[in-house]
N, C-alpha and C. Protein backbone atom coordinates (compact mmCIF):
# COMPACT_ATOMS: atom_id res chain seq x y z
N SER A 1 -12.16 7.44 0.52
CA SER A 1 -10.78 7.48 1.01
C SER A 1 -10.68 7.95 2.46
N LYS A 2 -11.83 8.31 3.05
CA LYS A 2 -11.85 8.82 4.43
C LYS A 2 -12.40 7.73 5.35
N ARG A 3 -11.56 7.16 6.18
CA ARG A 3 -11.99 6.03 7.01
C ARG A 3 -13.03 6.43 8.05
N ASN A 4 -12.97 7.67 8.51
CA ASN A 4 -13.99 8.11 9.47
C ASN A 4 -15.37 8.17 8.82
N GLU A 5 -15.41 8.44 7.51
CA GLU A 5 -16.68 8.46 6.80
C GLU A 5 -17.22 7.04 6.60
N ILE A 6 -16.31 6.09 6.42
CA ILE A 6 -16.73 4.69 6.34
C ILE A 6 -17.35 4.26 7.67
N ASP A 7 -16.72 4.66 8.76
CA ASP A 7 -17.25 4.36 10.10
C ASP A 7 -18.65 4.95 10.27
N LYS A 8 -18.85 6.14 9.73
CA LYS A 8 -20.16 6.80 9.85
C LYS A 8 -21.21 6.02 9.06
N VAL A 9 -20.85 5.55 7.87
CA VAL A 9 -21.78 4.76 7.06
C VAL A 9 -22.17 3.49 7.81
N VAL A 10 -21.18 2.83 8.41
CA VAL A 10 -21.46 1.61 9.17
C VAL A 10 -22.42 1.91 10.31
N LYS A 11 -22.18 2.99 11.04
CA LYS A 11 -23.06 3.35 12.16
C LYS A 11 -24.47 3.68 11.68
N ASP A 12 -24.55 4.39 10.55
CA ASP A 12 -25.87 4.74 10.00
C ASP A 12 -26.66 3.49 9.62
N ILE A 13 -25.98 2.53 8.99
CA ILE A 13 -26.65 1.30 8.59
C ILE A 13 -27.09 0.51 9.82
N LYS A 14 -26.21 0.43 10.81
CA LYS A 14 -26.55 -0.31 12.03
C LYS A 14 -27.71 0.32 12.77
N SER A 15 -27.86 1.62 12.64
CA SER A 15 -28.97 2.29 13.33
C SER A 15 -30.29 2.11 12.58
N SER A 16 -30.21 1.68 11.30
CA SER A 16 -31.41 1.53 10.49
C SER A 16 -31.87 0.09 10.34
N TRP A 17 -30.93 -0.87 10.41
CA TRP A 17 -31.26 -2.28 10.22
C TRP A 17 -30.61 -3.14 11.29
N ASP A 18 -31.28 -4.23 11.64
CA ASP A 18 -30.70 -5.14 12.62
C ASP A 18 -30.06 -6.36 11.96
N LYS A 19 -30.24 -6.47 10.63
CA LYS A 19 -29.56 -7.53 9.88
C LYS A 19 -29.46 -7.14 8.42
N LEU A 20 -28.54 -7.79 7.70
CA LEU A 20 -28.37 -7.57 6.26
C LEU A 20 -28.30 -8.92 5.57
N ASP A 21 -28.97 -9.03 4.43
CA ASP A 21 -28.91 -10.27 3.65
C ASP A 21 -27.84 -10.20 2.57
N GLY A 22 -27.47 -8.99 2.16
CA GLY A 22 -26.48 -8.90 1.10
C GLY A 22 -25.81 -7.54 1.04
N LEU A 23 -24.58 -7.54 0.51
CA LEU A 23 -23.81 -6.31 0.34
C LEU A 23 -23.08 -6.39 -0.99
N PHE A 24 -23.26 -5.36 -1.82
CA PHE A 24 -22.51 -5.23 -3.07
C PHE A 24 -21.46 -4.13 -2.91
N ASN A 25 -20.20 -4.51 -2.98
CA ASN A 25 -19.11 -3.52 -2.96
C ASN A 25 -18.76 -3.20 -4.40
N ASN A 26 -19.31 -2.09 -4.90
CA ASN A 26 -19.16 -1.76 -6.32
C ASN A 26 -18.42 -0.45 -6.56
N ALA A 27 -18.34 0.41 -5.56
CA ALA A 27 -17.70 1.71 -5.76
C ALA A 27 -16.21 1.56 -6.03
N GLY A 28 -15.69 2.40 -6.91
CA GLY A 28 -14.26 2.35 -7.20
C GLY A 28 -13.82 3.54 -8.02
N ILE A 29 -12.50 3.71 -8.12
CA ILE A 29 -11.95 4.81 -8.91
C ILE A 29 -10.85 4.29 -9.83
N LEU A 30 -10.60 5.03 -10.89
CA LEU A 30 -9.52 4.75 -11.85
C LEU A 30 -8.81 6.07 -12.09
N THR A 31 -7.62 6.24 -11.56
CA THR A 31 -6.94 7.54 -11.59
C THR A 31 -6.03 7.68 -12.80
N ASP A 32 -5.72 8.94 -13.12
CA ASP A 32 -4.89 9.25 -14.28
C ASP A 32 -3.41 9.41 -13.93
N LYS A 33 -3.12 9.48 -12.63
CA LYS A 33 -1.74 9.59 -12.18
C LYS A 33 -1.66 9.15 -10.72
N LEU A 34 -0.50 9.26 -10.15
CA LEU A 34 -0.28 8.80 -8.79
C LEU A 34 -0.80 9.81 -7.77
N TYR A 35 -1.75 9.38 -6.96
CA TYR A 35 -2.27 10.16 -5.84
C TYR A 35 -2.14 9.32 -4.57
N TYR A 36 -2.16 10.03 -3.43
CA TYR A 36 -2.06 9.31 -2.15
C TYR A 36 -3.22 9.70 -1.23
N SER A 37 -3.63 8.74 -0.41
CA SER A 37 -4.68 9.00 0.57
C SER A 37 -4.07 9.69 1.79
N ASP A 38 -4.95 10.08 2.71
CA ASP A 38 -4.48 10.72 3.94
C ASP A 38 -3.64 9.77 4.80
N TYR A 39 -3.70 8.48 4.48
CA TYR A 39 -2.99 7.48 5.27
C TYR A 39 -1.69 7.04 4.60
N GLY A 40 -1.33 7.74 3.52
CA GLY A 40 -0.06 7.47 2.85
C GLY A 40 -0.10 6.34 1.86
N ASN A 41 -1.30 5.85 1.52
CA ASN A 41 -1.43 4.77 0.55
C ASN A 41 -1.77 5.31 -0.82
N GLU A 42 -1.34 4.61 -1.86
CA GLU A 42 -1.77 4.93 -3.21
C GLU A 42 -3.30 4.98 -3.20
N LEU A 43 -3.87 6.00 -3.83
CA LEU A 43 -5.30 6.29 -3.65
C LEU A 43 -6.22 5.17 -4.13
N GLN A 44 -5.91 4.54 -5.25
CA GLN A 44 -6.75 3.44 -5.73
C GLN A 44 -6.73 2.26 -4.76
N LEU A 45 -5.57 2.00 -4.17
CA LEU A 45 -5.47 0.95 -3.16
C LEU A 45 -6.38 1.27 -1.98
N GLU A 46 -6.37 2.52 -1.56
CA GLU A 46 -7.20 2.94 -0.41
C GLU A 46 -8.69 2.79 -0.72
N VAL A 47 -9.11 3.29 -1.89
CA VAL A 47 -10.53 3.31 -2.23
C VAL A 47 -11.04 1.96 -2.70
N ASN A 48 -10.30 1.31 -3.58
CA ASN A 48 -10.77 0.06 -4.20
C ASN A 48 -10.47 -1.18 -3.38
N GLY A 49 -9.43 -1.10 -2.55
CA GLY A 49 -9.01 -2.27 -1.80
C GLY A 49 -9.34 -2.22 -0.32
N ILE A 50 -8.84 -1.20 0.34
CA ILE A 50 -8.98 -1.11 1.79
C ILE A 50 -10.39 -0.71 2.23
N SER A 51 -10.97 0.28 1.55
CA SER A 51 -12.28 0.80 1.97
C SER A 51 -13.39 -0.24 1.96
N PRO A 52 -13.55 -1.03 0.88
CA PRO A 52 -14.60 -2.05 0.92
C PRO A 52 -14.36 -3.10 2.00
N TYR A 53 -13.09 -3.37 2.28
CA TYR A 53 -12.76 -4.31 3.37
C TYR A 53 -13.23 -3.76 4.71
N LEU A 54 -12.94 -2.48 4.97
CA LEU A 54 -13.32 -1.87 6.24
C LEU A 54 -14.84 -1.76 6.37
N LEU A 55 -15.51 -1.40 5.27
CA LEU A 55 -16.97 -1.33 5.29
C LEU A 55 -17.57 -2.71 5.58
N THR A 56 -17.09 -3.71 4.86
CA THR A 56 -17.60 -5.07 5.04
C THR A 56 -17.34 -5.57 6.45
N LYS A 57 -16.14 -5.34 6.94
CA LYS A 57 -15.78 -5.79 8.28
C LYS A 57 -16.70 -5.17 9.33
N GLY A 58 -17.04 -3.91 9.14
CA GLY A 58 -17.92 -3.24 10.09
C GLY A 58 -19.34 -3.77 10.05
N LEU A 59 -19.74 -4.32 8.90
CA LEU A 59 -21.11 -4.81 8.74
C LEU A 59 -21.25 -6.32 8.93
N LEU A 60 -20.16 -7.00 9.21
CA LEU A 60 -20.20 -8.45 9.36
C LEU A 60 -21.19 -8.95 10.42
N PRO A 61 -21.30 -8.30 11.58
CA PRO A 61 -22.29 -8.77 12.56
C PRO A 61 -23.72 -8.75 12.03
N LEU A 62 -24.06 -7.76 11.20
CA LEU A 62 -25.40 -7.70 10.62
C LEU A 62 -25.56 -8.75 9.53
N LEU A 63 -24.51 -8.96 8.75
CA LEU A 63 -24.56 -9.96 7.68
C LEU A 63 -24.68 -11.37 8.26
N GLU A 64 -24.04 -11.59 9.40
CA GLU A 64 -24.11 -12.91 10.01
C GLU A 64 -25.53 -13.24 10.48
N LYS A 65 -26.31 -12.22 10.77
CA LYS A 65 -27.69 -12.42 11.19
C LYS A 65 -28.64 -12.60 10.01
N GLY A 66 -28.15 -12.31 8.80
CA GLY A 66 -28.99 -12.37 7.61
C GLY A 66 -29.27 -13.80 7.17
N GLU A 67 -30.14 -13.92 6.18
CA GLU A 67 -30.52 -15.22 5.64
C GLU A 67 -29.79 -15.45 4.32
N ASN A 68 -28.98 -16.52 4.26
CA ASN A 68 -28.18 -16.81 3.06
C ASN A 68 -27.41 -15.57 2.62
N SER A 69 -26.79 -14.90 3.56
CA SER A 69 -26.17 -13.61 3.29
C SER A 69 -24.92 -13.74 2.42
N PHE A 70 -24.66 -12.68 1.68
CA PHE A 70 -23.55 -12.68 0.74
C PHE A 70 -22.88 -11.31 0.70
N VAL A 71 -21.62 -11.32 0.25
CA VAL A 71 -20.88 -10.10 -0.07
C VAL A 71 -20.34 -10.29 -1.47
N VAL A 72 -20.80 -9.46 -2.40
CA VAL A 72 -20.33 -9.52 -3.79
C VAL A 72 -19.46 -8.29 -4.06
N ASN A 73 -18.25 -8.55 -4.53
CA ASN A 73 -17.28 -7.48 -4.78
C ASN A 73 -17.01 -7.36 -6.28
N THR A 74 -17.03 -6.14 -6.79
CA THR A 74 -16.73 -5.92 -8.19
C THR A 74 -15.22 -5.96 -8.39
N ALA A 75 -14.77 -7.01 -9.07
CA ALA A 75 -13.35 -7.18 -9.34
C ALA A 75 -13.04 -6.73 -10.78
N THR A 76 -12.03 -7.28 -11.37
CA THR A 76 -11.67 -6.96 -12.75
C THR A 76 -10.95 -8.16 -13.35
N SER A 77 -10.80 -8.18 -14.64
CA SER A 77 -10.20 -9.34 -15.31
C SER A 77 -8.69 -9.39 -15.08
N GLY A 78 -8.14 -10.57 -15.23
CA GLY A 78 -6.69 -10.72 -15.19
C GLY A 78 -6.08 -10.94 -13.84
N LEU A 79 -6.89 -10.99 -12.78
CA LEU A 79 -6.32 -11.13 -11.44
C LEU A 79 -5.69 -12.49 -11.22
N ASN A 80 -6.23 -13.51 -11.88
CA ASN A 80 -5.69 -14.85 -11.67
C ASN A 80 -4.28 -14.99 -12.23
N GLY A 81 -3.86 -14.03 -13.05
CA GLY A 81 -2.51 -14.07 -13.60
C GLY A 81 -1.47 -13.46 -12.67
N LYS A 82 -1.93 -12.83 -11.60
CA LYS A 82 -1.01 -12.20 -10.65
C LYS A 82 -0.37 -13.27 -9.77
N LYS A 83 0.95 -13.28 -9.74
CA LYS A 83 1.67 -14.32 -9.00
C LYS A 83 2.38 -13.78 -7.76
N SER A 84 2.26 -12.48 -7.52
CA SER A 84 2.93 -11.90 -6.36
C SER A 84 2.06 -10.84 -5.72
N PHE A 85 2.29 -10.63 -4.44
CA PHE A 85 1.55 -9.64 -3.67
C PHE A 85 2.55 -8.91 -2.80
N ASP A 86 2.84 -7.66 -3.14
CA ASP A 86 3.88 -6.89 -2.46
C ASP A 86 3.26 -5.65 -1.82
N ILE A 87 3.03 -5.72 -0.53
CA ILE A 87 2.38 -4.63 0.19
C ILE A 87 3.10 -3.29 -0.01
N SER A 88 4.40 -3.30 0.15
CA SER A 88 5.17 -2.05 0.07
C SER A 88 5.03 -1.36 -1.28
N SER A 89 5.15 -2.14 -2.36
CA SER A 89 5.07 -1.53 -3.69
C SER A 89 3.63 -1.16 -4.04
N PHE A 90 2.66 -1.86 -3.47
CA PHE A 90 1.27 -1.51 -3.71
C PHE A 90 0.93 -0.19 -3.01
N LYS A 91 1.44 -0.02 -1.79
CA LYS A 91 1.14 1.19 -1.02
C LYS A 91 1.84 2.41 -1.61
N LYS A 92 3.08 2.22 -2.05
CA LYS A 92 3.87 3.33 -2.61
C LYS A 92 4.57 2.86 -3.89
N PRO A 93 3.85 2.88 -5.01
CA PRO A 93 4.42 2.41 -6.27
C PRO A 93 5.61 3.25 -6.72
N LYS A 94 6.60 2.59 -7.30
CA LYS A 94 7.77 3.31 -7.82
C LYS A 94 7.46 3.98 -9.15
N LYS A 95 6.48 3.43 -9.88
CA LYS A 95 6.04 4.04 -11.13
C LYS A 95 4.54 3.86 -11.26
N PHE A 96 3.93 4.66 -12.11
CA PHE A 96 2.48 4.60 -12.28
C PHE A 96 2.14 4.19 -13.71
N THR A 97 1.26 3.22 -13.85
CA THR A 97 0.77 2.79 -15.15
C THR A 97 -0.75 2.81 -15.11
N LYS A 98 -1.36 3.50 -16.05
CA LYS A 98 -2.81 3.58 -16.08
C LYS A 98 -3.44 2.19 -16.24
N LEU A 99 -4.46 1.94 -15.48
CA LEU A 99 -5.30 0.75 -15.53
C LEU A 99 -4.58 -0.55 -15.17
N LEU A 100 -3.48 -0.84 -15.86
CA LEU A 100 -2.82 -2.13 -15.72
C LEU A 100 -1.81 -2.19 -14.59
N GLY A 101 -1.66 -1.07 -13.86
CA GLY A 101 -0.72 -1.03 -12.75
C GLY A 101 -1.42 -1.04 -11.41
N SER A 102 -1.47 0.11 -10.78
CA SER A 102 -2.02 0.22 -9.42
C SER A 102 -3.50 -0.12 -9.33
N TYR A 103 -4.24 0.11 -10.41
CA TYR A 103 -5.67 -0.25 -10.39
C TYR A 103 -5.83 -1.75 -10.22
N ILE A 104 -5.11 -2.52 -11.02
CA ILE A 104 -5.16 -3.98 -10.90
C ILE A 104 -4.70 -4.42 -9.52
N ASP A 105 -3.64 -3.79 -9.01
CA ASP A 105 -3.12 -4.12 -7.68
C ASP A 105 -4.18 -3.86 -6.60
N SER A 106 -4.93 -2.77 -6.76
CA SER A 106 -5.95 -2.43 -5.76
C SER A 106 -7.08 -3.46 -5.76
N LYS A 107 -7.46 -3.93 -6.94
CA LYS A 107 -8.51 -4.93 -7.03
C LYS A 107 -8.03 -6.30 -6.52
N LEU A 108 -6.78 -6.62 -6.79
CA LEU A 108 -6.21 -7.85 -6.25
C LEU A 108 -6.23 -7.81 -4.72
N THR A 109 -5.85 -6.67 -4.16
CA THR A 109 -5.86 -6.51 -2.71
C THR A 109 -7.26 -6.72 -2.15
N MET A 110 -8.26 -6.14 -2.80
CA MET A 110 -9.64 -6.31 -2.33
C MET A 110 -10.04 -7.78 -2.32
N VAL A 111 -9.76 -8.49 -3.40
CA VAL A 111 -10.14 -9.90 -3.50
C VAL A 111 -9.46 -10.71 -2.40
N LEU A 112 -8.18 -10.46 -2.17
CA LEU A 112 -7.45 -11.22 -1.15
C LEU A 112 -7.96 -10.90 0.25
N LEU A 113 -8.32 -9.65 0.49
CA LEU A 113 -8.87 -9.27 1.79
C LEU A 113 -10.22 -9.95 2.03
N MET A 114 -11.05 -9.99 0.99
CA MET A 114 -12.36 -10.64 1.13
C MET A 114 -12.21 -12.14 1.31
N ASN A 115 -11.27 -12.74 0.60
CA ASN A 115 -11.02 -14.17 0.78
C ASN A 115 -10.54 -14.46 2.20
N HIS A 116 -9.76 -13.54 2.74
CA HIS A 116 -9.27 -13.68 4.12
C HIS A 116 -10.45 -13.66 5.10
N LEU A 117 -11.40 -12.76 4.88
CA LEU A 117 -12.59 -12.69 5.74
C LEU A 117 -13.41 -13.96 5.63
N SER A 118 -13.45 -14.55 4.44
CA SER A 118 -14.27 -15.75 4.23
C SER A 118 -13.77 -16.93 5.05
N GLU A 119 -12.50 -16.92 5.41
CA GLU A 119 -11.95 -18.03 6.18
C GLU A 119 -12.51 -18.06 7.61
N GLU A 120 -12.90 -16.91 8.13
CA GLU A 120 -13.41 -16.84 9.50
C GLU A 120 -14.94 -16.79 9.55
N TRP A 121 -15.55 -16.06 8.60
CA TRP A 121 -16.99 -15.85 8.63
C TRP A 121 -17.65 -16.84 7.67
N LYS A 122 -17.82 -18.05 8.15
CA LYS A 122 -18.27 -19.16 7.31
C LYS A 122 -19.75 -19.06 6.90
N LYS A 123 -20.54 -18.35 7.68
CA LYS A 123 -21.97 -18.27 7.38
C LYS A 123 -22.27 -17.33 6.21
N ILE A 124 -21.30 -16.46 5.90
CA ILE A 124 -21.48 -15.46 4.85
C ILE A 124 -20.72 -15.90 3.60
N ARG A 125 -21.34 -15.80 2.46
CA ARG A 125 -20.67 -16.16 1.20
C ARG A 125 -19.99 -14.93 0.62
N PHE A 126 -18.68 -15.04 0.39
CA PHE A 126 -17.90 -13.96 -0.20
C PHE A 126 -17.52 -14.36 -1.63
N VAL A 127 -17.85 -13.51 -2.58
CA VAL A 127 -17.49 -13.80 -3.97
C VAL A 127 -17.11 -12.50 -4.67
N SER A 128 -15.98 -12.52 -5.36
CA SER A 128 -15.51 -11.37 -6.13
C SER A 128 -15.71 -11.68 -7.60
N VAL A 129 -16.34 -10.76 -8.32
CA VAL A 129 -16.79 -11.02 -9.68
C VAL A 129 -16.23 -9.98 -10.66
N ASP A 130 -15.66 -10.48 -11.74
CA ASP A 130 -15.30 -9.63 -12.87
C ASP A 130 -16.56 -9.42 -13.70
N PRO A 131 -17.13 -8.19 -13.73
CA PRO A 131 -18.39 -7.98 -14.45
C PRO A 131 -18.23 -7.92 -15.96
N GLY A 132 -16.97 -7.92 -16.43
CA GLY A 132 -16.70 -7.77 -17.85
C GLY A 132 -16.27 -6.35 -18.17
N ALA A 133 -15.92 -6.12 -19.41
CA ALA A 133 -15.53 -4.78 -19.87
C ALA A 133 -16.78 -3.95 -20.09
N ILE A 134 -16.96 -2.91 -19.26
CA ILE A 134 -18.22 -2.18 -19.21
C ILE A 134 -18.02 -0.70 -19.56
N LYS A 135 -18.97 -0.16 -20.30
CA LYS A 135 -18.97 1.27 -20.62
C LYS A 135 -19.53 2.05 -19.43
N THR A 136 -18.65 2.62 -18.64
CA THR A 136 -19.06 3.47 -17.52
C THR A 136 -18.36 4.82 -17.64
N LYS A 137 -18.74 5.73 -16.78
CA LYS A 137 -18.05 7.02 -16.76
C LYS A 137 -16.58 6.82 -16.41
N MET A 138 -16.31 5.80 -15.57
CA MET A 138 -14.94 5.53 -15.17
C MET A 138 -14.09 5.10 -16.35
N THR A 139 -14.61 4.20 -17.18
CA THR A 139 -13.81 3.72 -18.32
C THR A 139 -13.75 4.74 -19.46
N ALA A 140 -14.54 5.82 -19.33
CA ALA A 140 -14.47 6.90 -20.31
C ALA A 140 -13.60 8.05 -19.82
N GLY A 141 -13.10 7.94 -18.58
CA GLY A 141 -12.37 9.03 -17.95
C GLY A 141 -10.89 9.07 -18.27
N SER A 142 -10.21 9.99 -17.60
CA SER A 142 -8.79 10.24 -17.86
C SER A 142 -7.89 9.13 -17.35
N GLY A 143 -8.42 8.22 -16.52
CA GLY A 143 -7.60 7.12 -16.03
C GLY A 143 -7.47 5.99 -17.02
N MET A 144 -8.23 6.04 -18.09
CA MET A 144 -8.20 4.99 -19.11
C MET A 144 -7.08 5.28 -20.11
N PRO A 145 -6.24 4.28 -20.43
CA PRO A 145 -5.20 4.48 -21.44
C PRO A 145 -5.82 4.91 -22.77
N PHE A 146 -5.18 5.85 -23.47
CA PHE A 146 -5.76 6.41 -24.68
C PHE A 146 -5.99 5.36 -25.76
N TRP A 147 -5.12 4.36 -25.82
CA TRP A 147 -5.22 3.34 -26.86
C TRP A 147 -6.41 2.39 -26.64
N LEU A 148 -6.94 2.40 -25.40
CA LEU A 148 -8.06 1.52 -25.09
C LEU A 148 -9.42 2.18 -25.32
N LYS A 149 -9.43 3.50 -25.41
CA LYS A 149 -10.71 4.20 -25.51
C LYS A 149 -11.49 3.85 -26.78
N PRO A 150 -10.85 3.76 -27.97
CA PRO A 150 -11.61 3.34 -29.15
C PRO A 150 -12.18 1.93 -28.99
N ILE A 151 -11.42 1.03 -28.36
CA ILE A 151 -11.89 -0.33 -28.11
C ILE A 151 -13.07 -0.30 -27.14
N ARG A 152 -12.94 0.55 -26.13
CA ARG A 152 -14.01 0.71 -25.15
C ARG A 152 -15.29 1.14 -25.83
N ASN A 153 -15.20 2.14 -26.70
CA ASN A 153 -16.38 2.69 -27.36
C ASN A 153 -17.06 1.67 -28.28
N LEU A 154 -16.26 0.79 -28.88
CA LEU A 154 -16.80 -0.17 -29.85
C LEU A 154 -17.29 -1.47 -29.22
N PHE A 155 -16.54 -1.95 -28.22
CA PHE A 155 -16.77 -3.33 -27.79
C PHE A 155 -17.20 -3.52 -26.33
N PHE A 156 -16.99 -2.53 -25.48
CA PHE A 156 -17.39 -2.70 -24.09
C PHE A 156 -18.92 -2.77 -24.00
N LYS A 157 -19.41 -3.50 -23.00
CA LYS A 157 -20.84 -3.71 -22.84
C LYS A 157 -21.47 -2.65 -21.94
N SER A 158 -22.79 -2.70 -21.83
CA SER A 158 -23.52 -1.70 -21.06
C SER A 158 -23.44 -1.99 -19.57
N PRO A 159 -23.65 -0.97 -18.74
CA PRO A 159 -23.68 -1.19 -17.28
C PRO A 159 -24.72 -2.23 -16.88
N LYS A 160 -25.81 -2.34 -17.63
CA LYS A 160 -26.84 -3.33 -17.34
C LYS A 160 -26.26 -4.75 -17.42
N ASP A 161 -25.41 -4.99 -18.42
CA ASP A 161 -24.79 -6.30 -18.56
C ASP A 161 -23.89 -6.60 -17.36
N GLY A 162 -23.11 -5.61 -16.94
CA GLY A 162 -22.23 -5.80 -15.79
C GLY A 162 -23.00 -6.06 -14.52
N ALA A 163 -24.09 -5.30 -14.33
CA ALA A 163 -24.93 -5.47 -13.14
C ALA A 163 -25.55 -6.86 -13.11
N GLU A 164 -25.97 -7.35 -14.27
CA GLU A 164 -26.56 -8.68 -14.33
C GLU A 164 -25.56 -9.77 -13.94
N ASN A 165 -24.30 -9.58 -14.32
CA ASN A 165 -23.26 -10.55 -13.95
C ASN A 165 -23.05 -10.59 -12.44
N LEU A 166 -23.06 -9.42 -11.81
CA LEU A 166 -22.91 -9.35 -10.36
C LEU A 166 -24.11 -9.96 -9.65
N TYR A 167 -25.30 -9.62 -10.14
CA TYR A 167 -26.54 -10.12 -9.54
C TYR A 167 -26.62 -11.64 -9.67
N LYS A 168 -26.24 -12.16 -10.83
CA LYS A 168 -26.29 -13.60 -11.08
C LYS A 168 -25.47 -14.36 -10.05
N GLU A 169 -24.26 -13.87 -9.77
CA GLU A 169 -23.39 -14.58 -8.83
C GLU A 169 -23.85 -14.42 -7.39
N ALA A 170 -24.54 -13.32 -7.10
CA ALA A 170 -25.06 -13.14 -5.74
C ALA A 170 -26.10 -14.20 -5.40
N PHE A 171 -26.87 -14.60 -6.41
CA PHE A 171 -27.96 -15.55 -6.17
C PHE A 171 -27.76 -16.85 -6.95
N ASN A 172 -26.51 -17.22 -7.16
CA ASN A 172 -26.18 -18.44 -7.89
C ASN A 172 -26.33 -19.65 -6.96
N LYS A 173 -27.42 -20.37 -7.11
CA LYS A 173 -27.69 -21.51 -6.24
C LYS A 173 -26.85 -22.73 -6.61
N LYS A 174 -26.32 -22.76 -7.83
CA LYS A 174 -25.51 -23.89 -8.27
C LYS A 174 -24.09 -23.83 -7.72
N ASN A 175 -23.64 -22.63 -7.39
CA ASN A 175 -22.28 -22.46 -6.87
C ASN A 175 -22.34 -21.64 -5.59
N GLN A 176 -22.23 -22.30 -4.46
CA GLN A 176 -22.29 -21.63 -3.17
C GLN A 176 -20.93 -21.55 -2.49
N ARG A 177 -19.87 -21.76 -3.26
CA ARG A 177 -18.53 -21.64 -2.70
C ARG A 177 -18.26 -20.21 -2.25
N SER A 178 -17.47 -20.08 -1.21
CA SER A 178 -17.12 -18.76 -0.68
C SER A 178 -15.62 -18.54 -0.83
N GLY A 179 -15.24 -17.25 -0.86
CA GLY A 179 -13.83 -16.92 -0.98
C GLY A 179 -13.28 -17.21 -2.36
N ILE A 180 -14.09 -16.88 -3.39
CA ILE A 180 -13.68 -17.18 -4.76
C ILE A 180 -13.70 -15.94 -5.63
N TYR A 181 -13.00 -16.04 -6.76
CA TYR A 181 -12.96 -14.99 -7.77
C TYR A 181 -13.51 -15.57 -9.07
N ILE A 182 -14.48 -14.89 -9.67
CA ILE A 182 -15.13 -15.38 -10.88
C ILE A 182 -14.91 -14.40 -12.02
N SER A 183 -14.44 -14.93 -13.14
CA SER A 183 -14.23 -14.14 -14.35
C SER A 183 -14.72 -14.94 -15.54
N GLY A 184 -15.50 -14.29 -16.40
CA GLY A 184 -16.05 -14.99 -17.55
C GLY A 184 -17.01 -16.10 -17.16
N GLY A 185 -17.60 -15.99 -15.99
CA GLY A 185 -18.54 -16.99 -15.51
C GLY A 185 -17.90 -18.21 -14.89
N ASN A 186 -16.56 -18.21 -14.80
CA ASN A 186 -15.83 -19.36 -14.26
C ASN A 186 -15.02 -18.98 -13.03
N VAL A 187 -14.90 -19.92 -12.10
CA VAL A 187 -14.06 -19.70 -10.92
C VAL A 187 -12.59 -19.79 -11.35
N LYS A 188 -11.83 -18.77 -10.99
CA LYS A 188 -10.41 -18.73 -11.32
C LYS A 188 -9.59 -18.90 -10.04
N ASP A 189 -8.62 -19.75 -10.08
CA ASP A 189 -7.77 -19.97 -8.91
C ASP A 189 -6.83 -18.80 -8.70
N MET A 190 -6.80 -18.29 -7.48
CA MET A 190 -5.86 -17.24 -7.12
C MET A 190 -4.53 -17.87 -6.75
N GLN A 191 -3.46 -17.32 -7.27
CA GLN A 191 -2.15 -17.88 -7.03
C GLN A 191 -1.45 -17.25 -5.84
N VAL A 192 -2.11 -16.28 -5.23
CA VAL A 192 -1.53 -15.61 -4.06
C VAL A 192 -2.61 -15.47 -2.99
N SER A 193 -2.19 -15.24 -1.76
CA SER A 193 -3.11 -14.97 -0.66
C SER A 193 -2.45 -13.94 0.25
N ILE A 194 -3.23 -13.37 1.16
CA ILE A 194 -2.70 -12.37 2.07
C ILE A 194 -2.47 -13.01 3.44
N LYS A 195 -1.30 -12.74 4.00
CA LYS A 195 -0.96 -13.27 5.31
C LYS A 195 -1.34 -12.25 6.39
N THR A 196 -1.47 -12.72 7.61
CA THR A 196 -1.88 -11.85 8.71
C THR A 196 -0.92 -10.68 8.88
N GLU A 197 0.37 -10.94 8.79
CA GLU A 197 1.35 -9.86 8.95
C GLU A 197 1.26 -8.83 7.81
N GLU A 198 0.87 -9.30 6.62
CA GLU A 198 0.69 -8.38 5.51
C GLU A 198 -0.55 -7.53 5.71
N LEU A 199 -1.58 -8.13 6.29
CA LEU A 199 -2.80 -7.38 6.58
C LEU A 199 -2.52 -6.28 7.60
N VAL A 200 -1.74 -6.59 8.61
CA VAL A 200 -1.36 -5.59 9.62
C VAL A 200 -0.59 -4.46 8.97
N GLU A 201 0.35 -4.79 8.08
CA GLU A 201 1.15 -3.79 7.39
C GLU A 201 0.28 -2.92 6.50
N LEU A 202 -0.71 -3.52 5.86
CA LEU A 202 -1.60 -2.79 4.95
C LEU A 202 -2.42 -1.74 5.68
N MET A 203 -2.80 -2.03 6.92
CA MET A 203 -3.66 -1.13 7.68
C MET A 203 -2.91 -0.06 8.47
N LYS A 204 -1.61 -0.06 8.39
CA LYS A 204 -0.84 0.94 9.14
C LYS A 204 -1.08 2.33 8.57
């Protein structure tokens, strides 16, 4: 959630490598209530949506020098059902709903931001992947709705399964499309996109 720390990570990577072949944006949070970042944004939006965009943007020159370079983003299911993108309500929600509210909005924002980058950086493949329902510390935490926890314990898959889904799409030679969202192994059409003026508003 600290943009100056993201800048430091970018500088550290640039000082260690002159090119990158791949980047996995996997870090994320699932909160139990409404929190805000230092920049006035809902915290999940800041961490899950804006931060990977800023990190990726800072590393684009190195990725462009890489060989068959890619950016794989950990998304979540259900994004293709979203028909609207409202910057103001995403930044400052009027109400908070665990998992199905601001968390989904933050992941939608990330996918749209990455798709936006894919329009300019043609040499780099951008793909956002739903790894499936996975048993992680995050899905066992207080941000998970109570009614979902028994389902999580019984039916969610292991982190190894989720990692394999992300890895598979990173090196999928049969599908080299960029700026896409994949869920259940299939490309899902996004019904919304982010406009330049919305991107400016998001970064304020």
